[in-house]
Amino acid sequence: MTTESPLWYTSSYSENGGQCVQVATNLAATTGTVPVRDSKVPSGPVLGLRADVYAAFVTGIKGDGFDTV
């Protein structure tokens, strides 16, 4: 069991006031998960993604791996 608290991070691309998420990557090493939440509702639910799944998602975004059409 970890006693670490999530250190929430919001992307610098999220400054437009749009629909944003926050992540707490500091827990990946100890829990194997990356918590994700809605930045507009920080007291709302948190989705815990497996660290490898989150890493694959970020890689896909950076590589234009998602079709938006």
PDB file of N, CA and C in Angstrom:
ATOM      1  N   MET A   1       0.839  -1.186   0.000  1.00  0.00           N
ATOM      2  CA  MET A   1       0.000   0.000   0.000  1.00  0.00           C
ATOM      3  C   MET A   1       0.881   1.246   0.000  1.00  0.00           C
ATOM      4  N   THR A   2       0.515   2.202  -0.806  1.00  0.00           N
ATOM      5  CA  THR A   2       1.290   3.431  -0.899  1.00  0.00           C
ATOM      6  C   THR A   2       0.628   4.556  -0.114  1.00  0.00           C
ATOM      7  N   THR A   3       1.447   5.407   0.445  1.00  0.00           N
ATOM      8  CA  THR A   3       0.909   6.568   1.160  1.00  0.00           C
ATOM      9  C   THR A   3       1.105   7.835   0.343  1.00  0.00           C
ATOM     10  N   GLU A   4       1.608   7.683  -0.876  1.00  0.00           N
ATOM     11  CA  GLU A   4       1.804   8.835  -1.748  1.00  0.00           C
ATOM     12  C   GLU A   4       0.466   9.444  -2.139  1.00  0.00           C
ATOM     13  N   SER A   5       0.461  10.748  -2.235  1.00  0.00           N
ATOM     14  CA  SER A   5      -0.709  11.456  -2.738  1.00  0.00           C
ATOM     15  C   SER A   5      -0.491  11.766  -4.210  1.00  0.00           C
ATOM     16  N   PRO A   6      -1.558  11.776  -4.993  1.00  0.00           N
ATOM     17  CA  PRO A   6      -1.386  12.130  -6.402  1.00  0.00           C
ATOM     18  C   PRO A   6      -0.952  13.584  -6.548  1.00  0.00           C
ATOM     19  N   LEU A   7       0.021  13.809  -7.404  1.00  0.00           N
ATOM     20  CA  LEU A   7       0.444  15.160  -7.770  1.00  0.00           C
ATOM     21  C   LEU A   7      -0.144  15.425  -9.150  1.00  0.00           C
ATOM     22  N   TRP A   8      -1.250  16.139  -9.188  1.00  0.00           N
ATOM     23  CA  TRP A   8      -2.005  16.336 -10.414  1.00  0.00           C
ATOM     24  C   TRP A   8      -1.288  17.272 -11.358  1.00  0.00           C
ATOM     25  N   TYR A   9      -1.272  16.923 -12.614  1.00  0.00           N
ATOM     26  CA  TYR A   9      -0.618  17.682 -13.674  1.00  0.00           C
ATOM     27  C   TYR A   9      -1.636  17.965 -14.770  1.00  0.00           C
ATOM     28  N   THR A  10      -1.698  19.217 -15.189  1.00  0.00           N
ATOM     29  CA  THR A  10      -2.541  19.608 -16.312  1.00  0.00           C
ATOM     30  C   THR A  10      -1.623  20.043 -17.442  1.00  0.00           C
ATOM     31  N   SER A  11      -1.853  19.544 -18.626  1.00  0.00           N
ATOM     32  CA  SER A  11      -1.031  19.888 -19.777  1.00  0.00           C
ATOM     33  C   SER A  11      -1.059  21.387 -20.042  1.00  0.00           C
ATOM     34  N   SER A  12       0.068  21.910 -20.503  1.00  0.00           N
ATOM     35  CA  SER A  12       0.129  23.330 -20.854  1.00  0.00           C
ATOM     36  C   SER A  12      -0.782  23.643 -22.035  1.00  0.00           C
ATOM     37  N   TYR A  13      -1.166  22.637 -22.800  1.00  0.00           N
ATOM     38  CA  TYR A  13      -2.092  22.824 -23.917  1.00  0.00           C
ATOM     39  C   TYR A  13      -3.525  23.044 -23.435  1.00  0.00           C
ATOM     40  N   SER A  14      -3.762  22.867 -22.142  1.00  0.00           N
ATOM     41  CA  SER A  14      -5.114  22.955 -21.593  1.00  0.00           C
ATOM     42  C   SER A  14      -5.475  24.349 -21.112  1.00  0.00           C
ATOM     43  N   GLU A  15      -4.688  25.338 -21.386  1.00  0.00           N
ATOM     44  CA  GLU A  15      -4.941  26.684 -20.879  1.00  0.00           C
ATOM     45  C   GLU A  15      -6.086  27.399 -21.581  1.00  0.00           C
ATOM     46  N   ASN A  16      -6.701  26.766 -22.562  1.00  0.00           N
ATOM     47  CA  ASN A  16      -7.774  27.426 -23.305  1.00  0.00           C
ATOM     48  C   ASN A  16      -9.118  27.363 -22.597  1.00  0.00           C
ATOM     49  N   GLY A  17      -9.197  26.724 -21.430  1.00  0.00           N
ATOM     50  CA  GLY A  17     -10.447  26.637 -20.695  1.00  0.00           C
ATOM     51  C   GLY A  17     -11.396  25.597 -21.245  1.00  0.00           C
ATOM     52  N   GLY A  18     -10.916  24.757 -22.145  1.00  0.00           N
ATOM     53  CA  GLY A  18     -11.749  23.737 -22.752  1.00  0.00           C
ATOM     54  C   GLY A  18     -11.906  22.511 -21.878  1.00  0.00           C
ATOM     55  N   GLN A  19     -12.228  21.437 -22.504  1.00  0.00           N
ATOM     56  CA  GLN A  19     -12.429  20.182 -21.791  1.00  0.00           C
ATOM     57  C   GLN A  19     -11.072  19.515 -21.588  1.00  0.00           C
ATOM     58  N   CYS A  20     -10.600  19.512 -20.350  1.00  0.00           N
ATOM     59  CA  CYS A  20      -9.251  19.074 -20.038  1.00  0.00           C
ATOM     60  C   CYS A  20      -9.260  17.941 -19.013  1.00  0.00           C
ATOM     61  N   VAL A  21      -8.170  17.230 -19.001  1.00  0.00           N
ATOM     62  CA  VAL A  21      -7.977  16.203 -17.988  1.00  0.00           C
ATOM     63  C   VAL A  21      -6.700  16.500 -17.228  1.00  0.00           C
ATOM     64  N   GLN A  22      -6.608  15.934 -16.033  1.00  0.00           N
ATOM     65  CA  GLN A  22      -5.395  15.997 -15.237  1.00  0.00           C
ATOM     66  C   GLN A  22      -4.935  14.571 -15.000  1.00  0.00           C
ATOM     67  N   VAL A  23      -3.625  14.390 -14.903  1.00  0.00           N
ATOM     68  CA  VAL A  23      -3.050  13.083 -14.631  1.00  0.00           C
ATOM     69  C   VAL A  23      -2.094  13.190 -13.449  1.00  0.00           C
ATOM     70  N   ALA A  24      -1.894  12.081 -12.763  1.00  0.00           N
ATOM     71  CA  ALA A  24      -0.946  12.019 -11.643  1.00  0.00           C
ATOM     72  C   ALA A  24       0.051  10.901 -11.929  1.00  0.00           C
ATOM     73  N   THR A  25       1.050  11.213 -12.740  1.00  0.00           N
ATOM     74  CA  THR A  25       2.017  10.191 -13.154  1.00  0.00           C
ATOM     75  C   THR A  25       2.961   9.783 -12.031  1.00  0.00           C
ATOM     76  N   ASN A  26       2.986  10.520 -10.940  1.00  0.00           N
ATOM     77  CA  ASN A  26       3.896  10.180  -9.847  1.00  0.00           C
ATOM     78  C   ASN A  26       3.541   8.854  -9.176  1.00  0.00           C
ATOM     79  N   LEU A  27       2.347   8.339  -9.390  1.00  0.00           N
ATOM     80  CA  LEU A  27       1.945   7.080  -8.750  1.00  0.00           C
ATOM     81  C   LEU A  27       2.226   5.853  -9.619  1.00  0.00           C
ATOM     82  N   ALA A  28       2.679   6.051 -10.846  1.00  0.00           N
ATOM     83  CA  ALA A  28       2.872   4.933 -11.771  1.00  0.00           C
ATOM     84  C   ALA A  28       3.872   3.911 -11.230  1.00  0.00           C
ATOM     85  N   ALA A  29       4.973   4.361 -10.672  1.00  0.00           N
ATOM     86  CA  ALA A  29       6.011   3.429 -10.199  1.00  0.00           C
ATOM     87  C   ALA A  29       5.559   2.603  -8.997  1.00  0.00           C
ATOM     88  N   THR A  30       4.805   3.203  -8.095  1.00  0.00           N
ATOM     89  CA  THR A  30       4.413   2.495  -6.876  1.00  0.00           C
ATOM     90  C   THR A  30       3.109   1.722  -6.995  1.00  0.00           C
ATOM     91  N   THR A  31       2.205   2.189  -7.860  1.00  0.00           N
ATOM     92  CA  THR A  31       0.899   1.524  -7.959  1.00  0.00           C
ATOM     93  C   THR A  31       0.658   0.847  -9.295  1.00  0.00           C
ATOM     94  N   GLY A  32       1.456   1.207 -10.312  1.00  0.00           N
ATOM     95  CA  GLY A  32       1.249   0.646 -11.644  1.00  0.00           C
ATOM     96  C   GLY A  32       0.091   1.284 -12.377  1.00  0.00           C
ATOM     97  N   THR A  33      -0.451   2.371 -11.818  1.00  0.00           N
ATOM     98  CA  THR A  33      -1.569   3.059 -12.457  1.00  0.00           C
ATOM     99  C   THR A  33      -1.292   4.547 -12.566  1.00  0.00           C
ATOM    100  N   VAL A  34      -1.987   5.178 -13.510  1.00  0.00           N
ATOM    101  CA  VAL A  34      -1.937   6.623 -13.672  1.00  0.00           C
ATOM    102  C   VAL A  34      -3.364   7.134 -13.483  1.00  0.00           C
ATOM    103  N   PRO A  35      -3.634   7.804 -12.370  1.00  0.00           N
ATOM    104  CA  PRO A  35      -4.959   8.364 -12.157  1.00  0.00           C
ATOM    105  C   PRO A  35      -5.230   9.508 -13.143  1.00  0.00           C
ATOM    106  N   VAL A  36      -6.459   9.566 -13.650  1.00  0.00           N
ATOM    107  CA  VAL A  36      -6.890  10.600 -14.589  1.00  0.00           C
ATOM    108  C   VAL A  36      -8.218  11.150 -14.087  1.00  0.00           C
ATOM    109  N   ARG A  37      -8.365  12.480 -14.134  1.00  0.00           N
ATOM    110  CA  ARG A  37      -9.626  13.099 -13.705  1.00  0.00           C
ATOM    111  C   ARG A  37      -9.952  14.303 -14.571  1.00  0.00           C
ATOM    112  N   ASP A  38     -11.181  14.749 -14.503  1.00  0.00           N
ATOM    113  CA  ASP A  38     -11.656  15.935 -15.212  1.00  0.00           C
ATOM    114  C   ASP A  38     -11.150  17.164 -14.459  1.00  0.00           C
ATOM    115  N   SER A  39     -10.429  18.030 -15.146  1.00  0.00           N
ATOM    116  CA  SER A  39      -9.866  19.211 -14.481  1.00  0.00           C
ATOM    117  C   SER A  39     -10.933  20.181 -13.994  1.00  0.00           C
ATOM    118  N   LYS A  40     -12.114  20.140 -14.589  1.00  0.00           N
ATOM    119  CA  LYS A  40     -13.185  21.046 -14.179  1.00  0.00           C
ATOM    120  C   LYS A  40     -13.931  20.540 -12.950  1.00  0.00           C
ATOM    121  N   VAL A  41     -13.784  19.253 -12.637  1.00  0.00           N
ATOM    122  CA  VAL A  41     -14.467  18.658 -11.483  1.00  0.00           C
ATOM    123  C   VAL A  41     -13.440  17.843 -10.682  1.00  0.00           C
ATOM    124  N   PRO A  42     -12.494  18.504 -10.033  1.00  0.00           N
ATOM    125  CA  PRO A  42     -11.424  17.785  -9.350  1.00  0.00           C
ATOM    126  C   PRO A  42     -11.892  16.890  -8.197  1.00  0.00           C
ATOM    127  N   SER A  43     -13.073  17.148  -7.678  1.00  0.00           N
ATOM    128  CA  SER A  43     -13.590  16.298  -6.601  1.00  0.00           C
ATOM    129  C   SER A  43     -14.412  15.129  -7.149  1.00  0.00           C
ATOM    130  N   GLY A  44     -14.514  15.055  -8.471  1.00  0.00           N
ATOM    131  CA  GLY A  44     -15.298  14.001  -9.113  1.00  0.00           C
ATOM    132  C   GLY A  44     -14.534  12.686  -9.188  1.00  0.00           C
ATOM    133  N   PRO A  45     -15.054  11.741  -9.970  1.00  0.00           N
ATOM    134  CA  PRO A  45     -14.448  10.416 -10.064  1.00  0.00           C
ATOM    135  C   PRO A  45     -13.070  10.464 -10.720  1.00  0.00           C
ATOM    136  N   VAL A  46     -12.258   9.470 -10.372  1.00  0.00           N
ATOM    137  CA  VAL A  46     -10.905   9.319 -10.918  1.00  0.00           C
ATOM    138  C   VAL A  46     -10.830   7.982 -11.628  1.00  0.00           C
ATOM    139  N   LEU A  47     -10.314   7.999 -12.834  1.00  0.00           N
ATOM    140  CA  LEU A  47     -10.121   6.787 -13.623  1.00  0.00           C
ATOM    141  C   LEU A  47      -8.669   6.356 -13.461  1.00  0.00           C
ATOM    142  N   GLY A  48      -8.436   5.135 -13.031  1.00  0.00           N
ATOM    143  CA  GLY A  48      -7.082   4.623 -12.865  1.00  0.00           C
ATOM    144  C   GLY A  48      -6.675   3.792 -14.074  1.00  0.00           C
ATOM    145  N   LEU A  49      -5.806   4.337 -14.924  1.00  0.00           N
ATOM    146  CA  LEU A  49      -5.332   3.610 -16.102  1.00  0.00           C
ATOM    147  C   LEU A  49      -4.054   2.862 -15.766  1.00  0.00           C
ATOM    148  N   ARG A  50      -3.917   1.656 -16.294  1.00  0.00           N
ATOM    149  CA  ARG A  50      -2.644   0.949 -16.147  1.00  0.00           C
ATOM    150  C   ARG A  50      -1.558   1.798 -16.773  1.00  0.00           C
ATOM    151  N   ALA A  51      -0.394   1.840 -16.154  1.00  0.00           N
ATOM    152  CA  ALA A  51       0.691   2.695 -16.626  1.00  0.00           C
ATOM    153  C   ALA A  51       1.079   2.384 -18.065  1.00  0.00           C
ATOM    154  N   ASP A  52       1.099   1.108 -18.453  1.00  0.00           N
ATOM    155  CA  ASP A  52       1.471   0.757 -19.829  1.00  0.00           C
ATOM    156  C   ASP A  52       0.414   1.211 -20.834  1.00  0.00           C
ATOM    157  N   VAL A  53      -0.832   1.173 -20.446  1.00  0.00           N
ATOM    158  CA  VAL A  53      -1.919   1.631 -21.320  1.00  0.00           C
ATOM    159  C   VAL A  53      -1.842   3.149 -21.488  1.00  0.00           C
ATOM    160  N   TYR A  54      -1.588   3.857 -20.397  1.00  0.00           N
ATOM    161  CA  TYR A  54      -1.445   5.309 -20.470  1.00  0.00           C
ATOM    162  C   TYR A  54      -0.260   5.684 -21.368  1.00  0.00           C
ATOM    163  N   ALA A  55       0.857   4.993 -21.212  1.00  0.00           N
ATOM    164  CA  ALA A  55       2.043   5.267 -22.033  1.00  0.00           C
ATOM    165  C   ALA A  55       1.743   5.038 -23.517  1.00  0.00           C
ATOM    166  N   ALA A  56       1.020   3.968 -23.838  1.00  0.00           N
ATOM    167  CA  ALA A  56       0.659   3.691 -25.234  1.00  0.00           C
ATOM    168  C   ALA A  56      -0.273   4.777 -25.772  1.00  0.00           C
ATOM    169  N   PHE A  57      -1.185   5.258 -24.949  1.00  0.00           N
ATOM    170  CA  PHE A  57      -2.093   6.333 -25.346  1.00  0.00           C
ATOM    171  C   PHE A  57      -1.312   7.604 -25.673  1.00  0.00           C
ATOM    172  N   VAL A  58      -0.386   7.987 -24.799  1.00  0.00           N
ATOM    173  CA  VAL A  58       0.422   9.191 -25.022  1.00  0.00           C
ATOM    174  C   VAL A  58       1.272   9.036 -26.279  1.00  0.00           C
ATOM    175  N   THR A  59       1.854   7.869 -26.479  1.00  0.00           N
ATOM    176  CA  THR A  59       2.646   7.611 -27.681  1.00  0.00           C
ATOM    177  C   THR A  59       1.784   7.762 -28.926  1.00  0.00           C
ATOM    178  N   GLY A  60       0.565   7.244 -28.877  1.00  0.00           N
ATOM    179  CA  GLY A  60      -0.354   7.367 -30.003  1.00  0.00           C
ATOM    180  C   GLY A  60      -0.713   8.807 -30.314  1.00  0.00           C
ATOM    181  N   ILE A  61      -0.930   9.597 -29.280  1.00  0.00           N
ATOM    182  CA  ILE A  61      -1.257  11.009 -29.476  1.00  0.00           C
ATOM    183  C   ILE A  61      -0.070  11.747 -30.094  1.00  0.00           C
ATOM    184  N   LYS A  62       1.103  11.521 -29.566  1.00  0.00           N
ATOM    185  CA  LYS A  62       2.288  12.214 -30.073  1.00  0.00           C
ATOM    186  C   LYS A  62       2.614  11.807 -31.500  1.00  0.00           C
ATOM    187  N   GLY A  63       2.260  10.593 -31.873  1.00  0.00           N
ATOM    188  CA  GLY A  63       2.564  10.117 -33.214  1.00  0.00           C
ATOM    189  C   GLY A  63       1.433  10.267 -34.193  1.00  0.00           C
ATOM    190  N   ASP A  64       0.419  11.068 -33.831  1.00  0.00           N
ATOM    191  CA  ASP A  64      -0.745  11.238 -34.702  1.00  0.00           C
ATOM    192  C   ASP A  64      -1.399   9.903 -35.017  1.00  0.00           C
ATOM    193  N   GLY A  65      -1.453   9.026 -34.034  1.00  0.00           N
ATOM    194  CA  GLY A  65      -1.967   7.684 -34.246  1.00  0.00           C
ATOM    195  C   GLY A  65      -3.479   7.547 -34.165  1.00  0.00           C
ATOM    196  N   PHE A  66      -4.185   8.647 -33.978  1.00  0.00           N
ATOM    197  CA  PHE A  66      -5.630   8.582 -33.840  1.00  0.00           C
ATOM    198  C   PHE A  66      -6.293   9.368 -34.966  1.00  0.00           C
ATOM    199  N   ASP A  67      -7.194   8.734 -35.649  1.00  0.00           N
ATOM    200  CA  ASP A  67      -7.918   9.380 -36.731  1.00  0.00           C
ATOM    201  C   ASP A  67      -9.068  10.187 -36.141  1.00  0.00           C
ATOM    202  N   THR A  68      -9.149  11.454 -36.477  1.00  0.00           N
ATOM    203  CA  THR A  68     -10.198  12.314 -35.918  1.00  0.00           C
ATOM    204  C   THR A  68     -11.380  12.473 -36.849  1.00  0.00           C
ATOM    205  N   VAL A  69     -11.394  11.781 -37.963  1.00  0.00           N
ATOM    206  CA  VAL A  69     -12.497  11.887 -38.925  1.00  0.00           C
ATOM    207  C   VAL A  69     -13.556  10.859 -38.612  1.00  0.00           C
TER     208      VAL A  69
END
